C-alpha cells in the first residue's frame, strides 16, 4: 500500500498555480526555456508548457537534461545545442531531494550567460545537503533521510506522488 502525499487532482492544481507564478516572475520576457531533468522532469516541463501557453505571451521551449547517474553525476547533456545567452532558463525536476541533481543540472547553462536561471520542483524536501534553492515549489514536505518520495507518471500524465 502506497502512502500518497499528492493525487492527480492536487498535482493538476499545483501545476496551474506554478504556471501562474512563472508568468508573474517573468513578466516582460520574450522566451522561457523549460529544461526538464529526465525522465519525470521532462513530463512536468511539457505540462507546464501547455499551461503557460494560455497566459505567457512569449515563446516557450522545452528541452531535456540527461544526468548519467543521479547519485554520482558525471556527464550532463542538454537536448538543445543552442546558446543560452540572455535566456530565461527554468530547470524542472519532480523531487528536490538533496539538491545534488539540480546543482549538477545547472552546469551546462553556466557555460553561457543566461539572463536568469530558476529552479522548479513538484515536491521539495526540506533537508537539502547541497546549496540549491528551489524557486518554484509545488509541495514542500519534511521527511527523514531514510524516507523516499516517488512521483508516478503513466502515459505522459503525472498520476500521483507517494512517500516510502
C-alpha atoms as a PDB file:
ATOM      1  CA  UNK A   1       0.000   0.000   0.000  1.00  0.00           C
ATOM      2  CA  UNK A   2       1.410   3.355  -1.059  1.00  0.00           C
ATOM      3  CA  UNK A   3       1.284   6.392   1.220  1.00  0.00           C
ATOM      4  CA  UNK A   4       0.141   9.044  -1.283  1.00  0.00           C
ATOM      5  CA  UNK A   5       1.002  12.636  -0.461  1.00  0.00           C
ATOM      6  CA  UNK A   6      -0.354  14.016  -3.774  1.00  0.00           C
ATOM      7  CA  UNK A   7      -3.161  12.848  -6.034  1.00  0.00           C
ATOM      8  CA  UNK A   8      -3.522  13.593  -9.739  1.00  0.00           C
ATOM      9  CA  UNK A   9      -6.130  16.257  -8.947  1.00  0.00           C
ATOM     10  CA  UNK A  10      -3.859  18.008  -6.421  1.00  0.00           C
ATOM     11  CA  UNK A  11      -0.942  17.857  -8.850  1.00  0.00           C
ATOM     12  CA  UNK A  12      -3.053  19.436 -11.602  1.00  0.00           C
ATOM     13  CA  UNK A  13      -3.947  22.326  -9.265  1.00  0.00           C
ATOM     14  CA  UNK A  14      -0.337  22.715  -8.161  1.00  0.00           C
ATOM     15  CA  UNK A  15       0.931  22.853 -11.742  1.00  0.00           C
ATOM     16  CA  UNK A  16      -1.652  25.513 -12.647  1.00  0.00           C
ATOM     17  CA  UNK A  17      -0.554  27.615  -9.665  1.00  0.00           C
ATOM     18  CA  UNK A  18       3.111  27.174 -10.598  1.00  0.00           C
ATOM     19  CA  UNK A  19       2.405  28.266 -14.189  1.00  0.00           C
ATOM     20  CA  UNK A  20       0.838  31.495 -12.890  1.00  0.00           C
ATOM     21  CA  UNK A  21       3.870  32.070 -10.634  1.00  0.00           C
ATOM     22  CA  UNK A  22       6.207  31.600 -13.602  1.00  0.00           C
ATOM     23  CA  UNK A  23       4.277  34.189 -15.619  1.00  0.00           C
ATOM     24  CA  UNK A  24       4.258  36.652 -12.695  1.00  0.00           C
ATOM     25  CA  UNK A  25       8.009  36.358 -12.092  1.00  0.00           C
ATOM     26  CA  UNK A  26       8.864  36.603 -15.785  1.00  0.00           C
ATOM     27  CA  UNK A  27       6.588  39.410 -16.969  1.00  0.00           C
ATOM     28  CA  UNK A  28       8.110  41.179 -19.952  1.00  0.00           C
ATOM     29  CA  UNK A  29      10.324  38.280 -21.009  1.00  0.00           C
ATOM     30  CA  UNK A  30      10.255  37.147 -24.642  1.00  0.00           C
ATOM     31  CA  UNK A  31      11.067  33.493 -24.075  1.00  0.00           C
ATOM     32  CA  UNK A  32      11.164  30.855 -21.361  1.00  0.00           C
ATOM     33  CA  UNK A  33      13.211  27.683 -21.693  1.00  0.00           C
ATOM     34  CA  UNK A  34      11.860  24.830 -19.554  1.00  0.00           C
ATOM     35  CA  UNK A  35      14.673  22.327 -19.039  1.00  0.00           C
ATOM     36  CA  UNK A  36      13.300  19.121 -17.557  1.00  0.00           C
ATOM     37  CA  UNK A  37      15.568  16.612 -15.874  1.00  0.00           C
ATOM     38  CA  UNK A  38      14.865  13.186 -17.379  1.00  0.00           C
ATOM     39  CA  UNK A  39      12.506  11.413 -17.015  1.00  0.00           C
ATOM     40  CA  UNK A  40       9.772  12.928 -14.868  1.00  0.00           C
ATOM     41  CA  UNK A  41      11.106  16.482 -15.031  1.00  0.00           C
ATOM     42  CA  UNK A  42      10.539  16.479 -18.787  1.00  0.00           C
ATOM     43  CA  UNK A  43       6.906  15.382 -18.326  1.00  0.00           C
ATOM     44  CA  UNK A  44       6.357  18.188 -15.802  1.00  0.00           C
ATOM     45  CA  UNK A  45       8.006  20.703 -18.170  1.00  0.00           C
ATOM     46  CA  UNK A  46       5.678  19.614 -21.008  1.00  0.00           C
ATOM     47  CA  UNK A  47       2.616  20.032 -18.760  1.00  0.00           C
ATOM     48  CA  UNK A  48       3.820  23.473 -17.702  1.00  0.00           C
ATOM     49  CA  UNK A  49       4.312  24.473 -21.335  1.00  0.00           C
ATOM     50  CA  UNK A  50       0.666  23.601 -22.035  1.00  0.00           C
ATOM     51  CA  UNK A  51      -0.486  25.623 -19.022  1.00  0.00           C
ATOM     52  CA  UNK A  52       1.795  28.574 -19.798  1.00  0.00           C
ATOM     53  CA  UNK A  53       0.638  28.827 -23.399  1.00  0.00           C
ATOM     54  CA  UNK A  54      -2.676  30.293 -22.192  1.00  0.00           C
ATOM     55  CA  UNK A  55      -1.139  33.241 -20.333  1.00  0.00           C
ATOM     56  CA  UNK A  56       2.518  33.724 -21.346  1.00  0.00           C
ATOM     57  CA  UNK A  57       2.794  35.860 -24.476  1.00  0.00           C
ATOM     58  CA  UNK A  58       6.350  34.874 -25.393  1.00  0.00           C
ATOM     59  CA  UNK A  59       7.889  31.731 -26.813  1.00  0.00           C
ATOM     60  CA  UNK A  60       8.042  28.625 -24.602  1.00  0.00           C
ATOM     61  CA  UNK A  61      10.551  25.897 -25.384  1.00  0.00           C
ATOM     62  CA  UNK A  62      11.013  22.551 -23.643  1.00  0.00           C
ATOM     63  CA  UNK A  63      14.317  20.707 -23.617  1.00  0.00           C
ATOM     64  CA  UNK A  64      15.579  17.819 -21.576  1.00  0.00           C
ATOM     65  CA  UNK A  65      18.605  17.385 -19.378  1.00  0.00           C
ATOM     66  CA  UNK A  66      20.168  13.946 -19.131  1.00  0.00           C
ATOM     67  CA  UNK A  67      22.169  13.202 -15.995  1.00  0.00           C
ATOM     68  CA  UNK A  68      24.090   9.955 -16.364  1.00  0.00           C
ATOM     69  CA  UNK A  69      23.901   8.972 -12.679  1.00  0.00           C
ATOM     70  CA  UNK A  70      21.856  10.898 -10.130  1.00  0.00           C
ATOM     71  CA  UNK A  71      23.895   9.536  -7.211  1.00  0.00           C
ATOM     72  CA  UNK A  72      27.281  10.329  -8.779  1.00  0.00           C
ATOM     73  CA  UNK A  73      26.673  12.778 -11.648  1.00  0.00           C
ATOM     74  CA  UNK A  74      29.369  12.853 -14.269  1.00  0.00           C
ATOM     75  CA  UNK A  75      28.062  13.555 -17.751  1.00  0.00           C
ATOM     76  CA  UNK A  76      25.232  16.069 -18.099  1.00  0.00           C
ATOM     77  CA  UNK A  77      23.788  16.774 -21.545  1.00  0.00           C
ATOM     78  CA  UNK A  78      21.082  19.129 -22.767  1.00  0.00           C
ATOM     79  CA  UNK A  79      18.942  18.166 -25.779  1.00  0.00           C
ATOM     80  CA  UNK A  80      19.281  21.632 -27.277  1.00  0.00           C
ATOM     81  CA  UNK A  81      22.691  22.665 -28.524  1.00  0.00           C
ATOM     82  CA  UNK A  82      21.688  26.314 -28.551  1.00  0.00           C
ATOM     83  CA  UNK A  83      23.401  29.195 -26.828  1.00  0.00           C
ATOM     84  CA  UNK A  84      21.682  30.239 -23.592  1.00  0.00           C
ATOM     85  CA  UNK A  85      22.924  33.840 -23.524  1.00  0.00           C
ATOM     86  CA  UNK A  86      20.202  36.224 -22.292  1.00  0.00           C
ATOM     87  CA  UNK A  87      17.743  33.325 -21.912  1.00  0.00           C
ATOM     88  CA  UNK A  88      15.375  32.669 -19.029  1.00  0.00           C
ATOM     89  CA  UNK A  89      16.023  29.040 -18.089  1.00  0.00           C
ATOM     90  CA  UNK A  90      13.882  27.116 -15.618  1.00  0.00           C
ATOM     91  CA  UNK A  91      15.343  23.766 -14.551  1.00  0.00           C
ATOM     92  CA  UNK A  92      12.474  21.379 -13.739  1.00  0.00           C
ATOM     93  CA  UNK A  93      12.571  18.207 -11.626  1.00  0.00           C
ATOM     94  CA  UNK A  94       9.978  16.015  -9.955  1.00  0.00           C
ATOM     95  CA  UNK A  95      11.562  15.824  -6.478  1.00  0.00           C
ATOM     96  CA  UNK A  96      14.278  18.017  -4.991  1.00  0.00           C
ATOM     97  CA  UNK A  97      15.948  15.669  -2.531  1.00  0.00           C
ATOM     98  CA  UNK A  98      19.457  16.644  -1.510  1.00  0.00           C
ATOM     99  CA  UNK A  99      19.808  19.298  -4.218  1.00  0.00           C
ATOM    100  CA  UNK A 100      22.703  17.430  -5.858  1.00  0.00           C
ATOM    101  CA  UNK A 101      20.976  16.548  -9.137  1.00  0.00           C
ATOM    102  CA  UNK A 102      19.595  20.064  -9.516  1.00  0.00           C
ATOM    103  CA  UNK A 103      23.017  21.568  -8.830  1.00  0.00           C
ATOM    104  CA  UNK A 104      24.694  19.407 -11.485  1.00  0.00           C
ATOM    105  CA  UNK A 105      21.837  20.049 -13.945  1.00  0.00           C
ATOM    106  CA  UNK A 106      22.654  23.777 -13.786  1.00  0.00           C
ATOM    107  CA  UNK A 107      26.204  23.191 -15.057  1.00  0.00           C
ATOM    108  CA  UNK A 108      25.559  23.239 -18.856  1.00  0.00           C
ATOM    109  CA  UNK A 109      23.786  26.593 -18.599  1.00  0.00           C
ATOM    110  CA  UNK A 110      26.674  28.244 -16.757  1.00  0.00           C
ATOM    111  CA  UNK A 111      28.904  27.898 -19.821  1.00  0.00           C
ATOM    112  CA  UNK A 112      26.854  30.696 -21.412  1.00  0.00           C
ATOM    113  CA  UNK A 113      25.456  33.910 -19.927  1.00  0.00           C
ATOM    114  CA  UNK A 114      21.746  33.288 -19.228  1.00  0.00           C
ATOM    115  CA  UNK A 115      19.624  36.228 -18.136  1.00  0.00           C
ATOM    116  CA  UNK A 116      18.026  34.161 -15.358  1.00  0.00           C
ATOM    117  CA  UNK A 117      18.238  30.609 -14.109  1.00  0.00           C
ATOM    118  CA  UNK A 118      15.378  29.456 -11.926  1.00  0.00           C
ATOM    119  CA  UNK A 119      14.586  26.066 -10.423  1.00  0.00           C
ATOM    120  CA  UNK A 120      11.287  24.245 -10.042  1.00  0.00           C
ATOM    121  CA  UNK A 121      10.339  21.033  -8.241  1.00  0.00           C
ATOM    122  CA  UNK A 122       6.941  19.418  -7.900  1.00  0.00           C
ATOM    123  CA  UNK A 123       7.952  18.119  -4.443  1.00  0.00           C
ATOM    124  CA  UNK A 124      10.647  19.819  -2.372  1.00  0.00           C
ATOM    125  CA  UNK A 125      12.187  18.029   0.582  1.00  0.00           C
ATOM    126  CA  UNK A 126      13.284  20.436   3.272  1.00  0.00           C
ATOM    127  CA  UNK A 127      16.643  18.924   4.253  1.00  0.00           C
ATOM    128  CA  UNK A 128      18.996  19.659   1.385  1.00  0.00           C
ATOM    129  CA  UNK A 129      22.672  18.835   1.677  1.00  0.00           C
ATOM    130  CA  UNK A 130      23.658  20.973  -1.343  1.00  0.00           C
ATOM    131  CA  UNK A 131      23.103  24.751  -1.558  1.00  0.00           C
ATOM    132  CA  UNK A 132      20.240  24.771  -4.063  1.00  0.00           C
ATOM    133  CA  UNK A 133      17.204  26.939  -3.501  1.00  0.00           C
ATOM    134  CA  UNK A 134      14.026  25.870  -5.293  1.00  0.00           C
ATOM    135  CA  UNK A 135      12.354  28.964  -6.777  1.00  0.00           C
ATOM    136  CA  UNK A 136       9.039  27.285  -7.591  1.00  0.00           C
ATOM    137  CA  UNK A 137       7.849  24.691  -5.093  1.00  0.00           C
ATOM    138  CA  UNK A 138       4.753  22.633  -5.739  1.00  0.00           C
ATOM    139  CA  UNK A 139       4.597  20.870  -2.398  1.00  0.00           C
ATOM    140  CA  UNK A 140       7.147  21.098   0.424  1.00  0.00           C
ATOM    141  CA  UNK A 141       7.456  18.165   2.782  1.00  0.00           C
ATOM    142  CA  UNK A 142       9.694  17.432   5.740  1.00  0.00           C
ATOM    143  CA  UNK A 143      10.905  13.840   5.685  1.00  0.00           C
ATOM    144  CA  UNK A 144      13.531  11.755   7.374  1.00  0.00           C
ATOM    145  CA  UNK A 145      16.682  10.931   5.438  1.00  0.00           C
ATOM    146  CA  UNK A 146      15.506   7.313   5.204  1.00  0.00           C
ATOM    147  CA  UNK A 147      12.206   8.181   3.518  1.00  0.00           C
ATOM    148  CA  UNK A 148      11.900   8.485  -0.250  1.00  0.00           C
ATOM    149  CA  UNK A 149       9.371  10.282  -2.436  1.00  0.00           C
ATOM    150  CA  UNK A 150       8.292   8.843  -5.762  1.00  0.00           C
ATOM    151  CA  UNK A 151       6.348  10.641  -8.488  1.00  0.00           C
ATOM    152  CA  UNK A 152       4.220   8.378 -10.675  1.00  0.00           C
ATOM    153  CA  UNK A 153       3.946   9.030 -14.394  1.00  0.00           C
ATOM    154  CA  UNK A 154       1.732   6.984 -16.706  1.00  0.00           C
ATOM    155  CA  UNK A 155       1.374   7.737 -20.421  1.00  0.00           C
ATOM    156  CA  UNK A 156       2.922  11.202 -20.032  1.00  0.00           C
ATOM    157  CA  UNK A 157       0.494  12.051 -17.198  1.00  0.00           C
ATOM    158  CA  UNK A 158       1.519  12.686 -13.610  1.00  0.00           C
ATOM    159  CA  UNK A 159      -0.794  10.468 -11.583  1.00  0.00           C
ATOM    160  CA  UNK A 160       0.457  10.889  -8.020  1.00  0.00           C
ATOM    161  CA  UNK A 161       3.311  11.180  -5.549  1.00  0.00           C
ATOM    162  CA  UNK A 162       3.908   8.882  -2.629  1.00  0.00           C
ATOM    163  CA  UNK A 163       6.203   8.524   0.341  1.00  0.00           C
ATOM    164  CA  UNK A 164       8.057   5.372   1.306  1.00  0.00           C
END
